Amino acid sequence: MEIDYRTKLAWALAGYLQSIKYEITHLLRPNPVRLAAPPPCDGYPPDLIAVSPDDERSLGLAITPEDMDDRGIRTVLVSFASRYDTKTKKPVEFFIGIPNDDALAQRIKNHFKMQGVGKQISNVKIVRLELGTKEEFRIKSESETEIPE
């Protein structure tokens, strides 16, 4: 089965979060470690859900330049960036995984600014990811399996 670029980008984001000690609890399907797919938030599922070392929930979404042409994705970006944890009342951390692309990073920042949420979203982190070898997006798990080519 061919794995599309956006899925690989989501896996790379999961790998990044693991490298900074987050535990991945849900990951879009297909995924190499058989995690459950994330449930929808505001009608759209994130690509991953993780728990921080401080035991707080985080959302992750992989975005390609083409995704920014989709009005639905742009709406989801603002929705996910604006979420609050019902227990702690703190903003939910939101990681946006993108290719190493200055123009895309600027486009996302401009989108938030145009929506009037630019300054208020300190919980949003744009993570630039490089995809090359499969080792760069390897995800660790107790039931680790080989990542499909």
C-alpha atoms as a PDB file:
ATOM      1  CA  MET A   1       0.000   0.000   0.000  1.00  0.00           C
ATOM      2  CA  GLU A   2       1.305   3.438  -0.966  1.00  0.00           C
ATOM      3  CA  ILE A   3       1.412   5.901   1.922  1.00  0.00           C
ATOM      4  CA  ASP A   4       0.667   9.487   0.866  1.00  0.00           C
ATOM      5  CA  TYR A   5       2.877  12.454   1.693  1.00  0.00           C
ATOM      6  CA  ARG A   6       0.468  13.999   4.188  1.00  0.00           C
ATOM      7  CA  THR A   7       0.294  10.732   6.181  1.00  0.00           C
ATOM      8  CA  LYS A   8       4.082  10.545   6.268  1.00  0.00           C
ATOM      9  CA  LEU A   9       4.139  14.147   7.448  1.00  0.00           C
ATOM     10  CA  ALA A  10       1.728  13.249  10.281  1.00  0.00           C
ATOM     11  CA  TRP A  11       3.970  10.308  11.234  1.00  0.00           C
ATOM     12  CA  ALA A  12       6.967  12.656  11.259  1.00  0.00           C
ATOM     13  CA  LEU A  13       5.064  15.025  13.547  1.00  0.00           C
ATOM     14  CA  ALA A  14       4.327  12.092  15.870  1.00  0.00           C
ATOM     15  CA  GLY A  15       8.025  11.190  15.840  1.00  0.00           C
ATOM     16  CA  TYR A  16       8.945  14.778  16.676  1.00  0.00           C
ATOM     17  CA  LEU A  17       6.520  14.847  19.602  1.00  0.00           C
ATOM     18  CA  GLN A  18       7.920  11.566  20.898  1.00  0.00           C
ATOM     19  CA  SER A  19      11.417  13.029  20.710  1.00  0.00           C
ATOM     20  CA  ILE A  20      10.305  15.750  23.139  1.00  0.00           C
ATOM     21  CA  LYS A  21       8.738  13.160  25.469  1.00  0.00           C
ATOM     22  CA  TYR A  22       5.091  13.312  24.411  1.00  0.00           C
ATOM     23  CA  GLU A  23       3.109  10.077  24.358  1.00  0.00           C
ATOM     24  CA  ILE A  24       1.123   9.538  21.159  1.00  0.00           C
ATOM     25  CA  THR A  25      -2.282   8.114  22.079  1.00  0.00           C
ATOM     26  CA  HIS A  26      -4.087   8.379  18.716  1.00  0.00           C
ATOM     27  CA  LEU A  27      -2.734   8.585  15.177  1.00  0.00           C
ATOM     28  CA  LEU A  28      -4.439   8.800  11.789  1.00  0.00           C
ATOM     29  CA  ARG A  29      -4.843   5.549   9.953  1.00  0.00           C
ATOM     30  CA  PRO A  30      -3.035   3.796   8.484  1.00  0.00           C
ATOM     31  CA  ASN A  31      -0.311   3.981  11.076  1.00  0.00           C
ATOM     32  CA  PRO A  32       2.645   1.721  11.729  1.00  0.00           C
ATOM     33  CA  VAL A  33       1.918   1.064  15.402  1.00  0.00           C
ATOM     34  CA  ARG A  34      -1.795   0.235  15.258  1.00  0.00           C
ATOM     35  CA  LEU A  35      -2.922   3.149  17.386  1.00  0.00           C
ATOM     36  CA  ALA A  36      -6.577   4.119  17.310  1.00  0.00           C
ATOM     37  CA  ALA A  37      -7.533   6.911  14.936  1.00  0.00           C
ATOM     38  CA  PRO A  38      -8.276  10.255  16.612  1.00  0.00           C
ATOM     39  CA  PRO A  39     -11.952  11.038  17.170  1.00  0.00           C
ATOM     40  CA  PRO A  40     -13.329  14.143  15.457  1.00  0.00           C
ATOM     41  CA  CYS A  41     -13.018  17.512  17.195  1.00  0.00           C
ATOM     42  CA  ASP A  42     -15.579  19.993  15.859  1.00  0.00           C
ATOM     43  CA  GLY A  43     -16.447  17.535  13.097  1.00  0.00           C
ATOM     44  CA  TYR A  44     -12.888  17.007  11.856  1.00  0.00           C
ATOM     45  CA  PRO A  45     -10.358  14.536  13.267  1.00  0.00           C
ATOM     46  CA  PRO A  46      -6.865  15.763  14.086  1.00  0.00           C
ATOM     47  CA  ASP A  47      -4.018  13.658  12.701  1.00  0.00           C
ATOM     48  CA  LEU A  48      -2.851  12.822  16.190  1.00  0.00           C
ATOM     49  CA  ILE A  49      -3.568  13.238  19.859  1.00  0.00           C
ATOM     50  CA  ALA A  50      -0.702  13.227  22.333  1.00  0.00           C
ATOM     51  CA  VAL A  51      -0.168  13.666  26.045  1.00  0.00           C
ATOM     52  CA  SER A  52       2.571  16.040  27.197  1.00  0.00           C
ATOM     53  CA  PRO A  53       5.093  15.227  29.933  1.00  0.00           C
ATOM     54  CA  ASP A  54       2.880  17.450  32.142  1.00  0.00           C
ATOM     55  CA  ASP A  55      -0.050  15.105  31.399  1.00  0.00           C
ATOM     56  CA  GLU A  56      -1.904  17.615  29.204  1.00  0.00           C
ATOM     57  CA  ARG A  57      -3.612  16.704  25.936  1.00  0.00           C
ATOM     58  CA  SER A  58      -2.275  18.042  22.633  1.00  0.00           C
ATOM     59  CA  LEU A  59      -3.583  17.923  19.085  1.00  0.00           C
ATOM     60  CA  GLY A  60      -1.536  17.592  15.910  1.00  0.00           C
ATOM     61  CA  LEU A  61      -2.318  18.227  12.271  1.00  0.00           C
ATOM     62  CA  ALA A  62      -0.111  17.822   9.193  1.00  0.00           C
ATOM     63  CA  ILE A  63      -0.560  20.556   6.589  1.00  0.00           C
ATOM     64  CA  THR A  64       0.770  20.690   3.031  1.00  0.00           C
ATOM     65  CA  PRO A  65       0.736  23.791   0.791  1.00  0.00           C
ATOM     66  CA  GLU A  66      -2.237  22.306  -1.097  1.00  0.00           C
ATOM     67  CA  ASP A  67      -4.209  21.941   2.151  1.00  0.00           C
ATOM     68  CA  MET A  68      -4.175  25.709   2.647  1.00  0.00           C
ATOM     69  CA  ASP A  69      -6.340  26.042  -0.481  1.00  0.00           C
ATOM     70  CA  ASP A  70      -9.122  24.132   1.322  1.00  0.00           C
ATOM     71  CA  ARG A  71     -11.534  26.401   3.212  1.00  0.00           C
ATOM     72  CA  GLY A  72     -12.435  23.501   5.540  1.00  0.00           C
ATOM     73  CA  ILE A  73      -8.823  23.008   6.620  1.00  0.00           C
ATOM     74  CA  ARG A  74      -8.422  26.738   7.255  1.00  0.00           C
ATOM     75  CA  THR A  75     -11.529  26.623   9.474  1.00  0.00           C
ATOM     76  CA  VAL A  76     -10.154  23.588  11.333  1.00  0.00           C
ATOM     77  CA  LEU A  77      -6.858  25.389  11.995  1.00  0.00           C
ATOM     78  CA  VAL A  78      -8.665  28.167  13.851  1.00  0.00           C
ATOM     79  CA  SER A  79     -10.963  25.707  15.628  1.00  0.00           C
ATOM     80  CA  PHE A  80      -8.091  23.528  16.902  1.00  0.00           C
ATOM     81  CA  ALA A  81      -6.042  26.595  17.870  1.00  0.00           C
ATOM     82  CA  SER A  82      -8.968  27.885  19.927  1.00  0.00           C
ATOM     83  CA  ARG A  83      -9.705  24.726  21.935  1.00  0.00           C
ATOM     84  CA  TYR A  84      -9.576  24.705  25.734  1.00  0.00           C
ATOM     85  CA  ASP A  85      -9.223  21.714  28.041  1.00  0.00           C
ATOM     86  CA  THR A  86     -12.491  21.304  29.931  1.00  0.00           C
ATOM     87  CA  LYS A  87     -10.716  20.229  33.121  1.00  0.00           C
ATOM     88  CA  THR A  88      -7.781  22.643  33.310  1.00  0.00           C
ATOM     89  CA  LYS A  89      -9.428  25.521  31.395  1.00  0.00           C
ATOM     90  CA  LYS A  90      -6.062  26.027  29.636  1.00  0.00           C
ATOM     91  CA  PRO A  91      -5.650  26.207  25.854  1.00  0.00           C
ATOM     92  CA  VAL A  92      -4.948  22.815  24.278  1.00  0.00           C
ATOM     93  CA  GLU A  93      -1.486  22.684  22.703  1.00  0.00           C
ATOM     94  CA  PHE A  94      -1.797  22.445  18.928  1.00  0.00           C
ATOM     95  CA  PHE A  95       1.138  21.278  16.793  1.00  0.00           C
ATOM     96  CA  ILE A  96       1.003  21.924  13.053  1.00  0.00           C
ATOM     97  CA  GLY A  97       3.443  19.761  11.113  1.00  0.00           C
ATOM     98  CA  ILE A  98       4.532  21.241   7.794  1.00  0.00           C
ATOM     99  CA  PRO A  99       7.242  20.571   5.240  1.00  0.00           C
ATOM    100  CA  ASN A 100      10.278  22.821   5.691  1.00  0.00           C
ATOM    101  CA  ASP A 101       8.601  25.592   3.700  1.00  0.00           C
ATOM    102  CA  ASP A 102       8.891  29.279   4.653  1.00  0.00           C
ATOM    103  CA  ALA A 103       5.998  30.308   2.414  1.00  0.00           C
ATOM    104  CA  LEU A 104       3.631  27.770   4.004  1.00  0.00           C
ATOM    105  CA  ALA A 105       4.619  28.782   7.539  1.00  0.00           C
ATOM    106  CA  GLN A 106       3.953  32.424   6.659  1.00  0.00           C
ATOM    107  CA  ARG A 107       0.639  31.538   5.035  1.00  0.00           C
ATOM    108  CA  ILE A 108      -0.525  29.778   8.205  1.00  0.00           C
ATOM    109  CA  LYS A 109       0.559  32.711  10.390  1.00  0.00           C
ATOM    110  CA  ASN A 110      -1.199  35.163   8.065  1.00  0.00           C
ATOM    111  CA  HIS A 111      -4.352  33.039   8.175  1.00  0.00           C
ATOM    112  CA  PHE A 112      -4.428  33.204  11.970  1.00  0.00           C
ATOM    113  CA  LYS A 113      -3.802  36.944  11.853  1.00  0.00           C
ATOM    114  CA  MET A 114      -6.615  37.473   9.305  1.00  0.00           C
ATOM    115  CA  GLN A 115      -8.972  35.511  11.556  1.00  0.00           C
ATOM    116  CA  GLY A 116      -8.107  37.792  14.464  1.00  0.00           C
ATOM    117  CA  VAL A 117      -6.439  35.114  16.568  1.00  0.00           C
ATOM    118  CA  GLY A 118      -2.787  35.766  15.745  1.00  0.00           C
ATOM    119  CA  LYS A 119      -1.640  37.177  19.076  1.00  0.00           C
ATOM    120  CA  GLN A 120      -3.849  35.035  21.335  1.00  0.00           C
ATOM    121  CA  ILE A 121      -2.609  31.626  20.200  1.00  0.00           C
ATOM    122  CA  SER A 122       0.583  30.985  22.129  1.00  0.00           C
ATOM    123  CA  ASN A 123      -0.540  27.330  22.332  1.00  0.00           C
ATOM    124  CA  VAL A 124       0.077  26.812  18.587  1.00  0.00           C
ATOM    125  CA  LYS A 125       3.450  25.483  17.430  1.00  0.00           C
ATOM    126  CA  ILE A 126       4.388  25.194  13.754  1.00  0.00           C
ATOM    127  CA  VAL A 127       6.875  22.343  13.372  1.00  0.00           C
ATOM    128  CA  ARG A 128       8.935  22.166  10.181  1.00  0.00           C
ATOM    129  CA  LEU A 129       9.630  18.567   9.228  1.00  0.00           C
ATOM    130  CA  GLU A 130      12.051  17.008   6.777  1.00  0.00           C
ATOM    131  CA  LEU A 131      11.001  13.744   5.176  1.00  0.00           C
ATOM    132  CA  GLY A 132      13.714  11.608   3.727  1.00  0.00           C
ATOM    133  CA  THR A 133      14.422   8.141   4.999  1.00  0.00           C
ATOM    134  CA  LYS A 134      11.863   6.084   6.840  1.00  0.00           C
ATOM    135  CA  GLU A 135      14.014   6.369   9.971  1.00  0.00           C
ATOM    136  CA  GLU A 136      13.151  10.068  10.126  1.00  0.00           C
ATOM    137  CA  PHE A 137       9.511   9.292  10.757  1.00  0.00           C
ATOM    138  CA  ARG A 138       9.860   6.141  12.820  1.00  0.00           C
ATOM    139  CA  ILE A 139       7.456   5.970  15.744  1.00  0.00           C
ATOM    140  CA  LYS A 140       8.369   4.062  18.885  1.00  0.00           C
ATOM    141  CA  SER A 141       5.850   1.804  20.520  1.00  0.00           C
ATOM    142  CA  GLU A 142       5.789  -1.274  22.725  1.00  0.00           C
ATOM    143  CA  SER A 143       4.347  -3.149  19.757  1.00  0.00           C
ATOM    144  CA  GLU A 144       6.645  -1.509  17.224  1.00  0.00           C
ATOM    145  CA  THR A 145       6.172  -2.762  13.688  1.00  0.00           C
ATOM    146  CA  GLU A 146       7.999  -1.960  10.498  1.00  0.00           C
ATOM    147  CA  ILE A 147       6.776   1.130   8.727  1.00  0.00           C
ATOM    148  CA  PRO A 148       5.445   0.260   5.291  1.00  0.00           C
ATOM    149  CA  GLU A 149       7.382   1.623   2.324  1.00  0.00           C
END
